[in-house]
Amino acid sequence: MAVTVTRNGAKKHAVQMVGQTLLEAGLAATIDMPFSCAMGGCGACKVKLVAGETTHEGSALTPLERERGYVLACVDRALGPCELEVDP
C-alpha cells in the first residue's frame, strides 16, 4: 500500500508491505516517525489519518482522538493508499 507521511510540511512516501504496520513502513522508508513502546499501549506513535482507511488496534487513544482521525502507527495497518500527518 502507498503511504504518504507529512511532517513539518514535507511529504515523504513509503510502501507498506504485507504484514507491516504504518510505523514499520515509515521507518523502512527512513521517515522520522515518533514511537516508544511499539505495542499500541503508550500513544507516542499517534498520527492523524488525513485520507484512507486503516485497521484499528491498540487502546492508547481516547474515543475523541479516534473521532478526530488519529491512529496508532505502531499497530494500525493501511487498508488501501493513505495519507498521514505527524504532529510537530
C-alpha atoms as a PDB file:
ATOM      1  CA  MET A   1       0.000   0.000   0.000  1.00  0.00           C
ATOM      2  CA  ALA A   2       1.151   3.517  -0.715  1.00  0.00           C
ATOM      3  CA  VAL A   3       1.548   5.618   2.443  1.00  0.00           C
ATOM      4  CA  THR A   4       2.245   9.362   2.337  1.00  0.00           C
ATOM      5  CA  VAL A   5       3.534  10.956   5.532  1.00  0.00           C
ATOM      6  CA  THR A   6       3.574  14.726   6.057  1.00  0.00           C
ATOM      7  CA  ARG A   7       5.747  16.173   8.808  1.00  0.00           C
ATOM      8  CA  ASN A   8       6.537  19.873   9.174  1.00  0.00           C
ATOM      9  CA  GLY A   9       5.090  20.491   5.704  1.00  0.00           C
ATOM     10  CA  ALA A  10       7.359  17.952   3.980  1.00  0.00           C
ATOM     11  CA  LYS A  11       5.729  14.958   2.285  1.00  0.00           C
ATOM     12  CA  LYS A  12       7.504  11.620   2.104  1.00  0.00           C
ATOM     13  CA  HIS A  13       6.349   8.370   0.610  1.00  0.00           C
ATOM     14  CA  ALA A  14       6.527   4.797   1.872  1.00  0.00           C
ATOM     15  CA  VAL A  15       5.200   1.427   0.802  1.00  0.00           C
ATOM     16  CA  GLN A  16       3.521  -0.719   3.417  1.00  0.00           C
ATOM     17  CA  MET A  17       4.398  -4.321   2.652  1.00  0.00           C
ATOM     18  CA  VAL A  18       2.058  -7.168   3.611  1.00  0.00           C
ATOM     19  CA  GLY A  19       2.021  -7.558   7.397  1.00  0.00           C
ATOM     20  CA  GLN A  20       3.772  -4.258   8.124  1.00  0.00           C
ATOM     21  CA  THR A  21       2.328  -1.553  10.339  1.00  0.00           C
ATOM     22  CA  LEU A  22       2.265   2.085   9.298  1.00  0.00           C
ATOM     23  CA  LEU A  23       5.235   2.703  11.603  1.00  0.00           C
ATOM     24  CA  GLU A  24       7.269  -0.160  10.130  1.00  0.00           C
ATOM     25  CA  ALA A  25       6.586   1.098   6.605  1.00  0.00           C
ATOM     26  CA  GLY A  26       7.565   4.648   7.531  1.00  0.00           C
ATOM     27  CA  LEU A  27      10.759   3.640   9.300  1.00  0.00           C
ATOM     28  CA  ALA A  28      11.731   1.337   6.408  1.00  0.00           C
ATOM     29  CA  ALA A  29      11.448   4.395   4.129  1.00  0.00           C
ATOM     30  CA  THR A  30      13.662   6.384   6.575  1.00  0.00           C
ATOM     31  CA  ILE A  31      10.795   8.664   7.605  1.00  0.00           C
ATOM     32  CA  ASP A  32      11.232  10.197  11.070  1.00  0.00           C
ATOM     33  CA  MET A  33       8.156   8.997  12.948  1.00  0.00           C
ATOM     34  CA  PRO A  34       7.509   9.117  16.688  1.00  0.00           C
ATOM     35  CA  PHE A  35       7.176   5.905  18.693  1.00  0.00           C
ATOM     36  CA  SER A  36       8.061   4.361  22.031  1.00  0.00           C
ATOM     37  CA  CYS A  37       6.522   1.049  23.113  1.00  0.00           C
ATOM     38  CA  ALA A  38       5.605  -0.104  19.557  1.00  0.00           C
ATOM     39  CA  MET A  39       2.708  -2.154  21.006  1.00  0.00           C
ATOM     40  CA  GLY A  40      -0.191   0.326  20.972  1.00  0.00           C
ATOM     41  CA  GLY A  41      -0.119   0.981  24.694  1.00  0.00           C
ATOM     42  CA  CYS A  42       1.544   4.381  25.117  1.00  0.00           C
ATOM     43  CA  GLY A  43       0.190   6.579  22.311  1.00  0.00           C
ATOM     44  CA  ALA A  44       3.588   8.059  21.375  1.00  0.00           C
ATOM     45  CA  CYS A  45       3.102   6.982  17.741  1.00  0.00           C
ATOM     46  CA  LYS A  46      -0.230   8.820  17.354  1.00  0.00           C
ATOM     47  CA  VAL A  47      -0.605  10.306  13.872  1.00  0.00           C
ATOM     48  CA  LYS A  48      -3.545  11.872  12.074  1.00  0.00           C
ATOM     49  CA  LEU A  49      -5.128   9.879   9.262  1.00  0.00           C
ATOM     50  CA  VAL A  50      -5.803  12.535   6.613  1.00  0.00           C
ATOM     51  CA  ALA A  51      -7.035  10.193   3.886  1.00  0.00           C
ATOM     52  CA  GLY A  52      -7.642   6.479   3.538  1.00  0.00           C
ATOM     53  CA  GLU A  53      -8.606   3.774   5.976  1.00  0.00           C
ATOM     54  CA  THR A  54      -6.675   1.686   8.490  1.00  0.00           C
ATOM     55  CA  THR A  55      -7.272  -1.156  10.882  1.00  0.00           C
ATOM     56  CA  HIS A  56      -7.881  -0.011  14.454  1.00  0.00           C
ATOM     57  CA  GLU A  57      -5.825  -1.871  17.011  1.00  0.00           C
ATOM     58  CA  GLY A  58      -4.376  -0.793  20.331  1.00  0.00           C
ATOM     59  CA  SER A  59      -6.034   1.011  23.179  1.00  0.00           C
ATOM     60  CA  ALA A  60      -3.940   4.125  23.840  1.00  0.00           C
ATOM     61  CA  LEU A  61      -6.293   6.517  22.027  1.00  0.00           C
ATOM     62  CA  THR A  62      -9.412   8.030  23.514  1.00  0.00           C
ATOM     63  CA  PRO A  63     -12.711   7.844  21.622  1.00  0.00           C
ATOM     64  CA  LEU A  64     -12.377  11.598  20.940  1.00  0.00           C
ATOM     65  CA  GLU A  65      -8.906  11.131  19.411  1.00  0.00           C
ATOM     66  CA  ARG A  66     -10.285   8.366  17.163  1.00  0.00           C
ATOM     67  CA  GLU A  67     -13.215  10.601  16.220  1.00  0.00           C
ATOM     68  CA  ARG A  68     -10.730  13.350  15.261  1.00  0.00           C
ATOM     69  CA  GLY A  69      -8.954  10.952  12.911  1.00  0.00           C
ATOM     70  CA  TYR A  70      -5.954   9.822  14.934  1.00  0.00           C
ATOM     71  CA  VAL A  71      -4.498   6.331  14.599  1.00  0.00           C
ATOM     72  CA  LEU A  72      -1.622   4.466  16.216  1.00  0.00           C
ATOM     73  CA  ALA A  73       1.093   3.975  13.592  1.00  0.00           C
ATOM     74  CA  CYS A  74       2.750   1.160  15.548  1.00  0.00           C
ATOM     75  CA  VAL A  75      -0.245  -1.171  15.364  1.00  0.00           C
ATOM     76  CA  ASP A  76      -2.551   0.150  12.617  1.00  0.00           C
ATOM     77  CA  ARG A  77      -2.215  -1.033   9.036  1.00  0.00           C
ATOM     78  CA  ALA A  78      -3.445   0.677   5.882  1.00  0.00           C
ATOM     79  CA  LEU A  79      -6.356  -0.993   4.118  1.00  0.00           C
ATOM     80  CA  GLY A  80      -5.531   0.958   0.940  1.00  0.00           C
ATOM     81  CA  PRO A  81      -3.491   4.006  -0.015  1.00  0.00           C
ATOM     82  CA  CYS A  82      -3.455   6.502   2.831  1.00  0.00           C
ATOM     83  CA  GLU A  83      -2.071   9.826   3.983  1.00  0.00           C
ATOM     84  CA  LEU A  84      -0.797  10.524   7.494  1.00  0.00           C
ATOM     85  CA  GLU A  85       0.200  13.730   9.243  1.00  0.00           C
ATOM     86  CA  VAL A  86       2.738  13.671  12.064  1.00  0.00           C
ATOM     87  CA  ASP A  87       2.293  16.422  14.637  1.00  0.00           C
ATOM     88  CA  PRO A  88       5.450  18.503  15.131  1.00  0.00           C
END
